[in-house]
Amino acid sequence: PDGMNPQKPSFGTLEGSCGYGRLDPNEWPYWKVAGISMRLPQHRGPVEGCGSCFELECDDDRCYPGSRVQVVVTDKCPECRDDHVDLQALTFEQMAPASVGNFYMRYRQVECTPPGDIQVQVDQY
């Protein structure tokens, strides 16, 4: 735990390197967001992984049984190890107690599945 209030916007829910701006916890992706290591293959390319979705499954007995969550990449994590995914605190706590600090997981890139229509605003072209 970093001492930040998980109920308040921070990092990938406030600004994030992907430029989403302040995210509303009551709208998709409901703060189920992540920052990924800049060394992951999915981070390469013109958008550096921004907007891609991953299904994460805990592979550690310190997690809640059957822990699985889908996240949207809204930030990068330059200080992270090669295989690291940095989760928003409330999303982390859906998989394991915060006191665990980190855990092993399996992940795969998946198609993003918002629960309904989403609205996209282009600020510049």
Protein backbone atom coordinates (compact mmCIF):
# COMPACT_ATOMS: atom_id res chain seq x y z
CA PRO A 1 0.00 0.00 0.00
CA ASP A 2 1.25 3.45 -0.92
CA GLY A 3 -0.86 5.42 1.57
CA MET A 4 -3.07 6.89 -1.17
CA ASN A 5 -6.84 6.82 -0.83
CA PRO A 6 -8.08 4.23 -3.36
CA GLN A 7 -11.45 6.00 -3.50
CA LYS A 8 -9.86 9.15 -4.97
CA PRO A 9 -8.49 9.50 -8.52
CA SER A 10 -4.77 8.91 -8.93
CA PHE A 11 -2.31 7.92 -11.64
CA GLY A 12 -4.21 6.00 -14.37
CA THR A 13 -7.62 7.21 -13.13
CA LEU A 14 -6.60 10.86 -12.86
CA GLU A 15 -4.37 11.54 -15.83
CA GLY A 16 -2.30 8.56 -16.87
CA SER A 17 0.13 8.61 -19.74
CA CYS A 18 -2.55 7.50 -22.21
CA GLY A 19 -4.40 10.82 -22.02
CA TYR A 20 -7.81 9.59 -20.91
CA GLY A 21 -8.08 12.33 -18.33
CA ARG A 22 -10.02 11.94 -15.11
CA LEU A 23 -12.01 8.70 -15.18
CA ASP A 24 -15.38 8.37 -13.48
CA PRO A 25 -15.53 5.32 -11.19
CA ASN A 26 -19.23 4.91 -12.09
CA GLU A 27 -18.62 4.58 -15.85
CA TRP A 28 -16.80 1.92 -17.85
CA PRO A 29 -14.08 0.82 -17.19
CA TYR A 30 -15.12 1.52 -13.56
CA TRP A 31 -11.51 2.15 -12.50
CA LYS A 32 -10.57 -1.37 -13.59
CA VAL A 33 -7.43 0.08 -15.08
CA ALA A 34 -3.76 -0.76 -15.21
CA GLY A 35 -0.37 0.57 -16.10
CA ILE A 36 1.86 -1.86 -17.93
CA SER A 37 5.61 -2.25 -18.06
CA MET A 38 7.15 -0.44 -20.98
CA ARG A 39 9.04 -3.67 -21.76
CA LEU A 40 5.93 -5.81 -22.35
CA PRO A 41 5.43 -6.61 -26.05
CA GLN A 42 1.92 -5.11 -25.87
CA HIS A 43 3.45 -1.74 -24.98
CA ARG A 44 5.05 -1.38 -28.38
CA GLY A 45 3.37 0.21 -31.36
CA PRO A 46 1.86 3.59 -32.07
CA VAL A 47 -0.41 3.70 -29.02
CA GLU A 48 1.94 1.90 -26.61
CA GLY A 49 -0.77 -0.42 -25.34
CA CYS A 50 -3.16 2.41 -24.46
CA GLY A 51 -6.77 1.30 -24.56
CA SER A 52 -5.92 -2.37 -24.83
CA CYS A 53 -7.61 -4.79 -22.48
CA PHE A 54 -6.16 -7.64 -20.47
CA GLU A 55 -7.73 -10.46 -18.56
CA LEU A 56 -5.75 -11.07 -15.39
CA GLU A 57 -6.00 -14.29 -13.43
CA CYS A 58 -4.29 -14.75 -10.10
CA ASP A 59 -1.69 -17.53 -9.99
CA ASP A 60 -0.83 -17.21 -6.31
CA ASP A 61 -2.38 -18.86 -3.25
CA ARG A 62 -2.49 -15.49 -1.46
CA CYS A 63 -5.29 -14.34 -3.78
CA TYR A 64 -8.99 -14.92 -3.40
CA PRO A 65 -10.02 -18.23 -5.02
CA GLY A 66 -10.84 -17.85 -8.71
CA SER A 67 -9.67 -14.23 -8.82
CA ARG A 68 -10.00 -12.87 -12.35
CA VAL A 69 -10.55 -9.36 -13.68
CA GLN A 70 -10.46 -7.49 -16.98
CA VAL A 71 -8.61 -4.17 -17.08
CA VAL A 72 -8.03 -1.37 -19.58
CA VAL A 73 -4.53 0.06 -20.00
CA THR A 74 -4.62 3.77 -19.15
CA ASP A 75 -1.03 4.30 -18.03
CA LYS A 76 2.50 3.07 -18.49
CA CYS A 77 4.77 1.97 -15.70
CA PRO A 78 8.38 2.86 -16.57
CA GLU A 79 9.69 1.72 -13.17
CA CYS A 80 8.02 -1.69 -13.42
CA ARG A 81 9.78 -5.00 -14.05
CA ASP A 82 9.36 -6.64 -17.45
CA ASP A 83 6.34 -8.71 -16.46
CA HIS A 84 4.69 -6.23 -14.10
CA VAL A 85 1.12 -4.93 -14.33
CA ASP A 86 0.29 -2.04 -12.00
CA LEU A 87 -3.36 -2.21 -10.86
CA GLN A 88 -5.62 0.45 -9.41
CA ALA A 89 -5.99 -0.31 -5.68
CA LEU A 90 -9.71 -1.21 -5.71
CA THR A 91 -9.15 -3.56 -8.63
CA PHE A 92 -6.18 -5.13 -6.82
CA GLU A 93 -8.40 -5.70 -3.79
CA GLN A 94 -10.90 -7.62 -5.95
CA MET A 95 -8.14 -10.18 -6.47
CA ALA A 96 -6.22 -10.17 -3.18
CA PRO A 97 -5.99 -8.30 0.12
CA ALA A 98 -4.01 -5.05 -0.15
CA SER A 99 -1.63 -6.36 2.51
CA VAL A 100 -0.32 -8.93 -0.02
CA GLY A 101 1.38 -6.09 -1.90
CA ASN A 102 1.92 -8.05 -5.13
CA PHE A 103 1.11 -11.48 -6.49
CA TYR A 104 1.83 -13.75 -9.41
CA MET A 105 -0.69 -13.71 -12.23
CA ARG A 106 -1.34 -14.97 -15.70
CA TYR A 107 -2.55 -12.47 -18.23
CA ARG A 108 -3.65 -12.34 -21.80
CA GLN A 109 -4.73 -9.56 -24.09
CA VAL A 110 -8.47 -9.72 -24.83
CA GLU A 111 -11.01 -7.74 -26.78
CA CYS A 112 -12.42 -4.87 -24.73
CA THR A 113 -16.05 -5.48 -23.85
CA PRO A 114 -17.79 -2.39 -22.50
CA PRO A 115 -21.25 -3.16 -21.09
CA GLY A 116 -22.94 -0.97 -23.72
CA ASP A 117 -22.31 1.85 -26.15
CA ILE A 118 -19.45 4.19 -25.33
CA GLN A 119 -18.98 7.76 -26.49
CA VAL A 120 -15.64 8.87 -27.91
CA GLN A 121 -14.59 12.51 -28.08
CA VAL A 122 -11.67 13.53 -30.32
CA ASP A 123 -10.04 16.71 -29.06
CA GLN A 124 -7.59 17.11 -31.93
CA TYR A 125 -7.00 15.58 -35.29
